[in-house]
All heavy atoms as atom14 arrays in JSON, in Angstrom:
{
  "sequence": "LAAMHTAGIEVPLVLTQPDRPAGRGMQMHASPVKQFALQHHIPVAQP",
  "atom14_mask": [
    [1, 1, 1, 1, 1, 1, 1, 1, 0, 0, 0, 0, 0, 0],
    [1, 1, 1, 1, 1, 0, 0, 0, 0, 0, 0, 0, 0, 0],
    [1, 1, 1, 1, 1, 0, 0, 0, 0, 0, 0, 0, 0, 0],
    [1, 1, 1, 1, 1, 1, 1, 1, 0, 0, 0, 0, 0, 0],
    [1, 1, 1, 1, 1, 1, 1, 1, 1, 1, 0, 0, 0, 0],
    [1, 1, 1, 1, 1, 1, 1, 0, 0, 0, 0, 0, 0, 0],
    [1, 1, 1, 1, 1, 0, 0, 0, 0, 0, 0, 0, 0, 0],
    [1, 1, 1, 1, 0, 0, 0, 0, 0, 0, 0, 0, 0, 0],
    [1, 1, 1, 1, 1, 1, 1, 1, 0, 0, 0, 0, 0, 0],
    [1, 1, 1, 1, 1, 1, 1, 1, 1, 0, 0, 0, 0, 0],
    [1, 1, 1, 1, 1, 1, 1, 0, 0, 0, 0, 0, 0, 0],
    [1, 1, 1, 1, 1, 1, 1, 0, 0, 0, 0, 0, 0, 0],
    [1, 1, 1, 1, 1, 1, 1, 1, 0, 0, 0, 0, 0, 0],
    [1, 1, 1, 1, 1, 1, 1, 0, 0, 0, 0, 0, 0, 0],
    [1, 1, 1, 1, 1, 1, 1, 1, 0, 0, 0, 0, 0, 0],
    [1, 1, 1, 1, 1, 1, 1, 0, 0, 0, 0, 0, 0, 0],
    [1, 1, 1, 1, 1, 1, 1, 1, 1, 0, 0, 0, 0, 0],
    [1, 1, 1, 1, 1, 1, 1, 0, 0, 0, 0, 0, 0, 0],
    [1, 1, 1, 1, 1, 1, 1, 1, 0, 0, 0, 0, 0, 0],
    [1, 1, 1, 1, 1, 1, 1, 1, 1, 1, 1, 0, 0, 0],
    [1, 1, 1, 1, 1, 1, 1, 0, 0, 0, 0, 0, 0, 0],
    [1, 1, 1, 1, 1, 0, 0, 0, 0, 0, 0, 0, 0, 0],
    [1, 1, 1, 1, 0, 0, 0, 0, 0, 0, 0, 0, 0, 0],
    [1, 1, 1, 1, 1, 1, 1, 1, 1, 1, 1, 0, 0, 0],
    [1, 1, 1, 1, 0, 0, 0, 0, 0, 0, 0, 0, 0, 0],
    [1, 1, 1, 1, 1, 1, 1, 1, 0, 0, 0, 0, 0, 0],
    [1, 1, 1, 1, 1, 1, 1, 1, 1, 0, 0, 0, 0, 0],
    [1, 1, 1, 1, 1, 1, 1, 1, 0, 0, 0, 0, 0, 0],
    [1, 1, 1, 1, 1, 1, 1, 1, 1, 1, 0, 0, 0, 0],
    [1, 1, 1, 1, 1, 0, 0, 0, 0, 0, 0, 0, 0, 0],
    [1, 1, 1, 1, 1, 1, 0, 0, 0, 0, 0, 0, 0, 0],
    [1, 1, 1, 1, 1, 1, 1, 0, 0, 0, 0, 0, 0, 0],
    [1, 1, 1, 1, 1, 1, 1, 0, 0, 0, 0, 0, 0, 0],
    [1, 1, 1, 1, 1, 1, 1, 1, 1, 0, 0, 0, 0, 0],
    [1, 1, 1, 1, 1, 1, 1, 1, 1, 0, 0, 0, 0, 0],
    [1, 1, 1, 1, 1, 1, 1, 1, 1, 1, 1, 0, 0, 0],
    [1, 1, 1, 1, 1, 0, 0, 0, 0, 0, 0, 0, 0, 0],
    [1, 1, 1, 1, 1, 1, 1, 1, 0, 0, 0, 0, 0, 0],
    [1, 1, 1, 1, 1, 1, 1, 1, 1, 0, 0, 0, 0, 0],
    [1, 1, 1, 1, 1, 1, 1, 1, 1, 1, 0, 0, 0, 0],
    [1, 1, 1, 1, 1, 1, 1, 1, 1, 1, 0, 0, 0, 0],
    [1, 1, 1, 1, 1, 1, 1, 1, 0, 0, 0, 0, 0, 0],
    [1, 1, 1, 1, 1, 1, 1, 0, 0, 0, 0, 0, 0, 0],
    [1, 1, 1, 1, 1, 1, 1, 0, 0, 0, 0, 0, 0, 0],
    [1, 1, 1, 1, 1, 0, 0, 0, 0, 0, 0, 0, 0, 0],
    [1, 1, 1, 1, 1, 1, 1, 1, 1, 0, 0, 0, 0, 0],
    [1, 1, 1, 1, 1, 1, 1, 0, 0, 0, 0, 0, 0, 0]
  ],
  "atom14_positions": [
    [[9.47, 2.11, 1.64], [8.54, 2.22, 2.77], [8.91, 1.23, 3.87], [8.89, 1.57, 5.07], [7.11, 2.0, 2.3], [6.01, 2.04, 3.36], [6.01, 3.39, 4.09], [4.64, 1.77, 2.73], [0.0, 0.0, 0.0], [0.0, 0.0, 0.0], [0.0, 0.0, 0.0], [0.0, 0.0, 0.0], [0.0, 0.0, 0.0], [0.0, 0.0, 0.0]],
    [[9.26, 0.02, 3.48], [9.66, -1.0, 4.45], [10.92, -0.57, 5.19], [11.06, -0.78, 6.41], [9.87, -2.34, 3.75], [0.0, 0.0, 0.0], [0.0, 0.0, 0.0], [0.0, 0.0, 0.0], [0.0, 0.0, 0.0], [0.0, 0.0, 0.0], [0.0, 0.0, 0.0], [0.0, 0.0, 0.0], [0.0, 0.0, 0.0], [0.0, 0.0, 0.0]],
    [[11.88, 0.02, 4.47], [13.12, 0.48, 5.1], [12.83, 1.58, 6.12], [13.42, 1.6, 7.21], [14.09, 0.97, 4.03], [0.0, 0.0, 0.0], [0.0, 0.0, 0.0], [0.0, 0.0, 0.0], [0.0, 0.0, 0.0], [0.0, 0.0, 0.0], [0.0, 0.0, 0.0], [0.0, 0.0, 0.0], [0.0, 0.0, 0.0], [0.0, 0.0, 0.0]],
    [[11.94, 2.49, 5.77], [11.57, 3.55, 6.7], [10.89, 2.98, 7.94], [11.17, 3.39, 9.07], [10.65, 4.55, 6.0], [11.35, 5.38, 4.92], [10.2, 6.29, 3.83], [9.27, 7.26, 5.02], [0.0, 0.0, 0.0], [0.0, 0.0, 0.0], [0.0, 0.0, 0.0], [0.0, 0.0, 0.0], [0.0, 0.0, 0.0], [0.0, 0.0, 0.0]],
    [[10.02, 2.01, 7.73], [9.32, 1.38, 8.85], [10.3, 0.68, 9.78], [10.23, 0.82, 11.01], [8.29, 0.39, 8.3], [7.53, -0.35, 9.37], [6.47, 0.2, 10.05], [7.7, -1.61, 9.87], [6.0, -0.67, 10.92], [6.73, -1.78, 10.83], [0.0, 0.0, 0.0], [0.0, 0.0, 0.0], [0.0, 0.0, 0.0], [0.0, 0.0, 0.0]],
    [[11.24, -0.07, 9.19], [12.23, -0.78, 9.99], [13.11, 0.19, 10.78], [13.53, -0.11, 11.91], [13.11, -1.65, 9.07], [12.28, -2.6, 8.4], [14.18, -2.4, 9.86], [0.0, 0.0, 0.0], [0.0, 0.0, 0.0], [0.0, 0.0, 0.0], [0.0, 0.0, 0.0], [0.0, 0.0, 0.0], [0.0, 0.0, 0.0], [0.0, 0.0, 0.0]],
    [[13.39, 1.35, 10.19], [14.24, 2.34, 10.85], [13.5, 3.14, 11.92], [14.11, 3.99, 12.59], [14.81, 3.3, 9.8], [0.0, 0.0, 0.0], [0.0, 0.0, 0.0], [0.0, 0.0, 0.0], [0.0, 0.0, 0.0], [0.0, 0.0, 0.0], [0.0, 0.0, 0.0], [0.0, 0.0, 0.0], [0.0, 0.0, 0.0], [0.0, 0.0, 0.0]],
    [[12.21, 2.89, 12.08], [11.45, 3.57, 13.13], [10.93, 4.93, 12.74], [10.51, 5.71, 13.61], [0.0, 0.0, 0.0], [0.0, 0.0, 0.0], [0.0, 0.0, 0.0], [0.0, 0.0, 0.0], [0.0, 0.0, 0.0], [0.0, 0.0, 0.0], [0.0, 0.0, 0.0], [0.0, 0.0, 0.0], [0.0, 0.0, 0.0], [0.0, 0.0, 0.0]],
    [[10.93, 5.23, 11.45], [10.38, 6.51, 10.98], [8.86, 6.4, 10.94], [8.32, 5.49, 10.3], [10.94, 6.87, 9.6], [12.46, 7.12, 9.71], [10.24, 8.09, 9.02], [13.18, 7.14, 8.39], [0.0, 0.0, 0.0], [0.0, 0.0, 0.0], [0.0, 0.0, 0.0], [0.0, 0.0, 0.0], [0.0, 0.0, 0.0], [0.0, 0.0, 0.0]],
    [[8.2, 7.29, 11.62], [6.73, 7.2, 11.73], [6.09, 7.65, 10.42], [6.38, 8.74, 9.91], [6.24, 8.05, 12.89], [4.75, 7.88, 13.15], [4.28, 8.59, 14.42], [5.14, 9.13, 15.14], [3.06, 8.58, 14.66], [0.0, 0.0, 0.0], [0.0, 0.0, 0.0], [0.0, 0.0, 0.0], [0.0, 0.0, 0.0], [0.0, 0.0, 0.0]],
    [[5.21, 6.82, 9.88], [4.47, 7.12, 8.65], [2.99, 7.18, 9.0], [2.34, 6.14, 9.15], [4.74, 6.07, 7.56], [3.96, 6.4, 6.29], [6.23, 5.97, 7.25], [0.0, 0.0, 0.0], [0.0, 0.0, 0.0], [0.0, 0.0, 0.0], [0.0, 0.0, 0.0], [0.0, 0.0, 0.0], [0.0, 0.0, 0.0], [0.0, 0.0, 0.0]],
    [[2.42, 8.36, 9.15], [1.02, 8.47, 9.57], [0.02, 8.27, 8.45], [-1.17, 8.09, 8.7], [0.94, 9.9, 10.11], [1.97, 10.65, 9.31], [3.08, 9.68, 9.08], [0.0, 0.0, 0.0], [0.0, 0.0, 0.0], [0.0, 0.0, 0.0], [0.0, 0.0, 0.0], [0.0, 0.0, 0.0], [0.0, 0.0, 0.0], [0.0, 0.0, 0.0]],
    [[0.49, 8.3, 7.17], [-0.42, 8.19, 6.04], [0.35, 7.75, 4.8], [1.49, 8.2, 4.59], [-1.09, 9.54, 5.75], [-2.01, 9.63, 4.53], [-3.25, 8.76, 4.71], [-2.41, 11.09, 4.25], [0.0, 0.0, 0.0], [0.0, 0.0, 0.0], [0.0, 0.0, 0.0], [0.0, 0.0, 0.0], [0.0, 0.0, 0.0], [0.0, 0.0, 0.0]],
    [[-0.27, 6.9, 4.01], [0.3, 6.47, 2.73], [-0.65, 6.87, 1.61], [-1.87, 6.65, 1.71], [0.54, 4.95, 2.71], [0.6, 4.41, 1.28], [1.83, 4.6, 3.44], [0.0, 0.0, 0.0], [0.0, 0.0, 0.0], [0.0, 0.0, 0.0], [0.0, 0.0, 0.0], [0.0, 0.0, 0.0], [0.0, 0.0, 0.0], [0.0, 0.0, 0.0]],
    [[-0.1, 7.44, 0.54], [-0.84, 7.67, -0.7], [-0.34, 6.66, -1.73], [0.87, 6.46, -1.89], [-0.6, 9.08, -1.24], [-0.98, 10.28, -0.38], [-0.79, 11.56, -1.18], [-2.4, 10.18, 0.12], [0.0, 0.0, 0.0], [0.0, 0.0, 0.0], [0.0, 0.0, 0.0], [0.0, 0.0, 0.0], [0.0, 0.0, 0.0], [0.0, 0.0, 0.0]],
    [[-1.27, 6.05, -2.44], [-0.9, 5.12, -3.5], [-1.99, 5.15, -4.56], [-3.1, 5.63, -4.31], [-0.68, 3.7, -2.95], [-0.08, 2.88, -3.95], [-2.0, 3.06, -2.51], [0.0, 0.0, 0.0], [0.0, 0.0, 0.0], [0.0, 0.0, 0.0], [0.0, 0.0, 0.0], [0.0, 0.0, 0.0], [0.0, 0.0, 0.0], [0.0, 0.0, 0.0]],
    [[-1.68, 4.66, -5.74], [-2.66, 4.71, -6.82], [-3.82, 3.75, -6.55], [-3.68, 2.75, -5.83], [-1.99, 4.39, -8.15], [-1.1, 5.5, -8.65], [-1.03, 5.54, -10.16], [-2.01, 5.36, -10.86], [0.16, 5.79, -10.68], [0.0, 0.0, 0.0], [0.0, 0.0, 0.0], [0.0, 0.0, 0.0], [0.0, 0.0, 0.0], [0.0, 0.0, 0.0]],
    [[-4.98, 4.01, -7.16], [-6.14, 3.13, -6.98], [-5.84, 1.69, -7.41], [-4.96, 1.44, -8.25], [-7.21, 3.76, -7.88], [-6.8, 5.2, -7.99], [-5.3, 5.2, -7.98], [0.0, 0.0, 0.0], [0.0, 0.0, 0.0], [0.0, 0.0, 0.0], [0.0, 0.0, 0.0], [0.0, 0.0, 0.0], [0.0, 0.0, 0.0], [0.0, 0.0, 0.0]],
    [[-6.55, 0.74, -6.81], [-6.4, -0.66, -7.19], [-6.67, -0.82, -8.68], [-7.52, -0.13, -9.26], [-7.39, -1.54, -6.41], [-7.12, -1.53, -4.9], [-6.14, -0.87, -4.49], [-7.89, -2.16, -4.17], [0.0, 0.0, 0.0], [0.0, 0.0, 0.0], [0.0, 0.0, 0.0], [0.0, 0.0, 0.0], [0.0, 0.0, 0.0], [0.0, 0.0, 0.0]],
    [[-5.94, -1.75, -9.32], [-6.06, -1.97, -10.76], [-6.38, -3.42, -11.06], [-5.96, -4.32, -10.33], [-4.73, -1.63, -11.46], [-4.15, -0.28, -11.13], [-4.9, 0.85, -11.81], [-4.19, 2.11, -11.65], [-4.74, 3.3, -11.85], [-6.01, 3.39, -12.24], [-4.03, 4.41, -11.68], [0.0, 0.0, 0.0], [0.0, 0.0, 0.0], [0.0, 0.0, 0.0]],
    [[-7.11, -3.67, -12.17], [-7.31, -5.06, -12.58], [-6.01, -5.63, -13.14], [-5.27, -4.95, -13.85], [-8.39, -4.96, -13.66], [-8.28, -3.56, -14.18], [-7.83, -2.72, -13.03], [0.0, 0.0, 0.0], [0.0, 0.0, 0.0], [0.0, 0.0, 0.0], [0.0, 0.0, 0.0], [0.0, 0.0, 0.0], [0.0, 0.0, 0.0], [0.0, 0.0, 0.0]],
    [[-5.72, -6.88, -12.8], [-4.49, -7.51, -13.26], [-4.67, -9.02, -13.3], [-5.59, -9.58, -12.69], [-3.32, -7.14, -12.34], [0.0, 0.0, 0.0], [0.0, 0.0, 0.0], [0.0, 0.0, 0.0], [0.0, 0.0, 0.0], [0.0, 0.0, 0.0], [0.0, 0.0, 0.0], [0.0, 0.0, 0.0], [0.0, 0.0, 0.0], [0.0, 0.0, 0.0]],
    [[-3.78, -9.68, -14.06], [-3.83, -11.13, -14.16], [-4.85, -11.6, -15.19], [-5.59, -10.8, -15.79], [0.0, 0.0, 0.0], [0.0, 0.0, 0.0], [0.0, 0.0, 0.0], [0.0, 0.0, 0.0], [0.0, 0.0, 0.0], [0.0, 0.0, 0.0], [0.0, 0.0, 0.0], [0.0, 0.0, 0.0], [0.0, 0.0, 0.0], [0.0, 0.0, 0.0]],
    [[-4.88, -12.91, -15.4], [-5.79, -13.46, -16.41], [-7.24, -13.22, -16.07], [-8.07, -13.03, -16.95], [-5.52, -14.96, -16.56], [-4.16, -15.28, -17.18], [-4.0, -16.73, -17.5], [-2.74, -17.02, -18.18], [-2.37, -18.22, -18.6], [-3.18, -19.26, -18.41], [-1.21, -18.39, -19.21], [0.0, 0.0, 0.0], [0.0, 0.0, 0.0], [0.0, 0.0, 0.0]],
    [[-7.57, -13.22, -14.79], [-8.95, -12.98, -14.39], [-9.28, -11.51, -14.27], [-10.43, -11.16, -14.04], [0.0, 0.0, 0.0], [0.0, 0.0, 0.0], [0.0, 0.0, 0.0], [0.0, 0.0, 0.0], [0.0, 0.0, 0.0], [0.0, 0.0, 0.0], [0.0, 0.0, 0.0], [0.0, 0.0, 0.0], [0.0, 0.0, 0.0], [0.0, 0.0, 0.0]],
    [[-8.28, -10.64, -14.47], [-8.46, -9.19, -14.37], [-9.17, -8.8, -13.08], [-10.05, -7.93, -13.04], [-9.23, -8.67, -15.59], [-8.48, -8.83, -16.9], [-6.85, -8.0, -16.9], [-7.34, -6.28, -17.03], [0.0, 0.0, 0.0], [0.0, 0.0, 0.0], [0.0, 0.0, 0.0], [0.0, 0.0, 0.0], [0.0, 0.0, 0.0], [0.0, 0.0, 0.0]],
    [[-8.75, -9.44, -11.99], [-9.29, -9.08, -10.69], [-8.55, -7.85, -10.15], [-7.42, -7.59, -10.51], [-9.15, -10.25, -9.71], [-9.96, -11.48, -10.1], [-9.84, -12.6, -9.09], [-8.92, -12.62, -8.28], [-10.77, -13.54, -9.14], [0.0, 0.0, 0.0], [0.0, 0.0, 0.0], [0.0, 0.0, 0.0], [0.0, 0.0, 0.0], [0.0, 0.0, 0.0]],
    [[-9.21, -7.12, -9.27], [-8.62, -5.91, -8.72], [-7.5, -6.27, -7.75], [-7.64, -7.15, -6.91], [-9.68, -5.08, -8.0], [-10.82, -4.63, -8.91], [-10.27, -3.56, -10.27], [-9.91, -2.05, -9.39], [0.0, 0.0, 0.0], [0.0, 0.0, 0.0], [0.0, 0.0, 0.0], [0.0, 0.0, 0.0], [0.0, 0.0, 0.0], [0.0, 0.0, 0.0]],
    [[-6.37, -5.59, -7.93], [-5.21, -5.85, -7.08], [-4.73, -4.55, -6.45], [-4.64, -3.51, -7.11], [-4.07, -6.47, -7.9], [-4.28, -7.91, -8.22], [-3.72, -8.94, -7.48], [-4.99, -8.51, -9.2], [-4.08, -10.1, -7.99], [-4.86, -9.88, -9.04], [0.0, 0.0, 0.0], [0.0, 0.0, 0.0], [0.0, 0.0, 0.0], [0.0, 0.0, 0.0]],
    [[-4.39, -4.64, -5.17], [-3.8, -3.5, -4.48], [-2.32, -3.38, -4.84], [-1.65, -4.39, -5.11], [-3.95, -3.68, -2.97], [0.0, 0.0, 0.0], [0.0, 0.0, 0.0], [0.0, 0.0, 0.0], [0.0, 0.0, 0.0], [0.0, 0.0, 0.0], [0.0, 0.0, 0.0], [0.0, 0.0, 0.0], [0.0, 0.0, 0.0], [0.0, 0.0, 0.0]],
    [[-1.82, -2.18, -4.83], [-0.4, -1.96, -5.12], [0.46, -2.56, -4.02], [0.0, -2.75, -2.88], [-0.11, -0.46, -5.24], [-0.15, 0.15, -3.96], [0.0, 0.0, 0.0], [0.0, 0.0, 0.0], [0.0, 0.0, 0.0], [0.0, 0.0, 0.0], [0.0, 0.0, 0.0], [0.0, 0.0, 0.0], [0.0, 0.0, 0.0], [0.0, 0.0, 0.0]],
    [[1.73, -2.86, -4.32], [2.63, -3.35, -3.26], [2.72, -2.39, -2.07], [2.82, -2.84, -0.92], [3.97, -3.47, -3.98], [3.6, -3.78, -5.4], [2.38, -2.94, -5.65], [0.0, 0.0, 0.0], [0.0, 0.0, 0.0], [0.0, 0.0, 0.0], [0.0, 0.0, 0.0], [0.0, 0.0, 0.0], [0.0, 0.0, 0.0], [0.0, 0.0, 0.0]],
    [[2.68, -1.08, -2.33], [2.73, -0.12, -1.23], [1.48, -0.23, -0.36], [1.56, -0.22, 0.88], [2.89, 1.31, -1.78], [2.55, 2.36, -0.72], [4.32, 1.52, -2.27], [0.0, 0.0, 0.0], [0.0, 0.0, 0.0], [0.0, 0.0, 0.0], [0.0, 0.0, 0.0], [0.0, 0.0, 0.0], [0.0, 0.0, 0.0], [0.0, 0.0, 0.0]],
    [[0.32, -0.35, -0.97], [-0.91, -0.49, -0.18], [-0.88, -1.78, 0.63], [-1.28, -1.8, 1.81], [-2.13, -0.48, -1.1], [-3.45, -0.64, -0.33], [-4.65, -0.64, -1.26], [-5.95, -0.83, -0.47], [-7.15, -0.82, -1.37], [0.0, 0.0, 0.0], [0.0, 0.0, 0.0], [0.0, 0.0, 0.0], [0.0, 0.0, 0.0], [0.0, 0.0, 0.0]],
    [[-0.41, -2.86, 0.02], [-0.35, -4.12, 0.74], [0.52, -4.0, 1.99], [0.15, -4.48, 3.07], [0.18, -5.22, -0.17], [-0.75, -5.57, -1.33], [-0.16, -6.6, -2.26], [0.46, -7.56, -1.83], [-0.32, -6.4, -3.57], [0.0, 0.0, 0.0], [0.0, 0.0, 0.0], [0.0, 0.0, 0.0], [0.0, 0.0, 0.0], [0.0, 0.0, 0.0]],
    [[1.68, -3.35, 1.84], [2.56, -3.18, 3.01], [1.89, -2.3, 4.06], [1.93, -2.61, 5.27], [3.9, -2.56, 2.59], [4.86, -2.4, 3.73], [5.77, -3.41, 4.02], [4.86, -1.26, 4.52], [6.65, -3.29, 5.09], [5.74, -1.13, 5.59], [6.63, -2.15, 5.88], [0.0, 0.0, 0.0], [0.0, 0.0, 0.0], [0.0, 0.0, 0.0]],
    [[1.27, -1.21, 3.62], [0.63, -0.3, 4.56], [-0.47, -0.99, 5.35], [-0.56, -0.85, 6.59], [0.07, 0.91, 3.8], [0.0, 0.0, 0.0], [0.0, 0.0, 0.0], [0.0, 0.0, 0.0], [0.0, 0.0, 0.0], [0.0, 0.0, 0.0], [0.0, 0.0, 0.0], [0.0, 0.0, 0.0], [0.0, 0.0, 0.0], [0.0, 0.0, 0.0]],
    [[-1.31, -1.77, 4.69], [-2.4, -2.45, 5.38], [-1.85, -3.49, 6.36], [-2.4, -3.65, 7.47], [-3.33, -3.12, 4.37], [-4.11, -2.15, 3.45], [-5.01, -2.93, 2.5], [-4.92, -1.15, 4.27], [0.0, 0.0, 0.0], [0.0, 0.0, 0.0], [0.0, 0.0, 0.0], [0.0, 0.0, 0.0], [0.0, 0.0, 0.0], [0.0, 0.0, 0.0]],
    [[-0.79, -4.2, 5.97], [-0.19, -5.19, 6.86], [0.34, -4.56, 8.13], [0.41, -5.21, 9.18], [0.93, -5.92, 6.13], [0.45, -6.86, 5.03], [1.58, -7.35, 4.14], [2.76, -7.07, 4.4], [1.24, -8.06, 3.08], [0.0, 0.0, 0.0], [0.0, 0.0, 0.0], [0.0, 0.0, 0.0], [0.0, 0.0, 0.0], [0.0, 0.0, 0.0]],
    [[0.72, -3.28, 8.05], [1.32, -2.61, 9.21], [0.41, -1.51, 9.76], [0.85, -0.62, 10.49], [2.69, -2.04, 8.82], [3.68, -3.11, 8.49], [3.79, -3.67, 7.23], [4.6, -3.75, 9.26], [4.73, -4.59, 7.24], [5.24, -4.66, 8.45], [0.0, 0.0, 0.0], [0.0, 0.0, 0.0], [0.0, 0.0, 0.0], [0.0, 0.0, 0.0]],
    [[-0.89, -1.59, 9.38], [-1.93, -0.75, 9.97], [-1.66, 0.74, 9.77], [-1.88, 1.56, 10.66], [-2.1, -1.07, 11.46], [-2.22, -2.54, 11.74], [-3.33, -3.28, 11.37], [-1.35, -3.41, 12.34], [-3.14, -4.55, 11.73], [-1.96, -4.66, 12.3], [0.0, 0.0, 0.0], [0.0, 0.0, 0.0], [0.0, 0.0, 0.0], [0.0, 0.0, 0.0]],
    [[-1.17, 1.08, 8.57], [-0.95, 2.48, 8.21], [-2.13, 2.94, 7.36], [-2.49, 2.27, 6.38], [0.36, 2.64, 7.41], [1.56, 2.1, 8.2], [0.59, 4.11, 7.06], [2.85, 2.05, 7.39], [0.0, 0.0, 0.0], [0.0, 0.0, 0.0], [0.0, 0.0, 0.0], [0.0, 0.0, 0.0], [0.0, 0.0, 0.0], [0.0, 0.0, 0.0]],
    [[-2.77, 4.06, 7.69], [-3.9, 4.55, 6.88], [-3.48, 4.79, 5.42], [-2.35, 5.24, 5.15], [-4.27, 5.86, 7.57], [-3.77, 5.72, 8.97], [-2.52, 4.9, 8.88], [0.0, 0.0, 0.0], [0.0, 0.0, 0.0], [0.0, 0.0, 0.0], [0.0, 0.0, 0.0], [0.0, 0.0, 0.0], [0.0, 0.0, 0.0], [0.0, 0.0, 0.0]],
    [[-4.4, 4.51, 4.5], [-4.12, 4.6, 3.07], [-5.16, 5.48, 2.38], [-6.36, 5.35, 2.65], [-4.12, 3.2, 2.41], [-3.92, 3.31, 0.89], [-3.03, 2.32, 3.01], [0.0, 0.0, 0.0], [0.0, 0.0, 0.0], [0.0, 0.0, 0.0], [0.0, 0.0, 0.0], [0.0, 0.0, 0.0], [0.0, 0.0, 0.0], [0.0, 0.0, 0.0]],
    [[-4.71, 6.34, 1.49], [-5.59, 7.11, 0.61], [-5.21, 6.82, -0.83], [-4.03, 6.68, -1.14], [-5.48, 8.61, 0.89], [0.0, 0.0, 0.0], [0.0, 0.0, 0.0], [0.0, 0.0, 0.0], [0.0, 0.0, 0.0], [0.0, 0.0, 0.0], [0.0, 0.0, 0.0], [0.0, 0.0, 0.0], [0.0, 0.0, 0.0], [0.0, 0.0, 0.0]],
    [[-6.23, 6.7, -1.71], [-5.99, 6.32, -3.1], [-6.71, 7.24, -4.08], [-7.56, 6.8, -4.86], [-6.42, 4.87, -3.33], [-5.64, 3.85, -2.53], [-6.14, 2.45, -2.76], [-7.01, 1.96, -2.04], [-5.61, 1.79, -3.78], [0.0, 0.0, 0.0], [0.0, 0.0, 0.0], [0.0, 0.0, 0.0], [0.0, 0.0, 0.0], [0.0, 0.0, 0.0]],
    [[-6.38, 8.51, -4.09], [-7.05, 9.41, -5.04], [-6.64, 9.09, -6.48], [-5.51, 8.65, -6.74], [-6.55, 10.79, -4.62], [-5.2, 10.53, -4.02], [-5.35, 9.21, -3.3], [0.0, 0.0, 0.0], [0.0, 0.0, 0.0], [0.0, 0.0, 0.0], [0.0, 0.0, 0.0], [0.0, 0.0, 0.0], [0.0, 0.0, 0.0], [0.0, 0.0, 0.0]]
  ]
}
């Protein structure tokens, strides 16, 4: 996704899996794809 963004390919929407609990505290974590999408203001859907 980062390579596509750098190359100027327009991504109007990202699909990624729902946030999951992870780590010792089992807190909810966004996927790496969602994190990148949010940082670059790309809409995200998580069915």
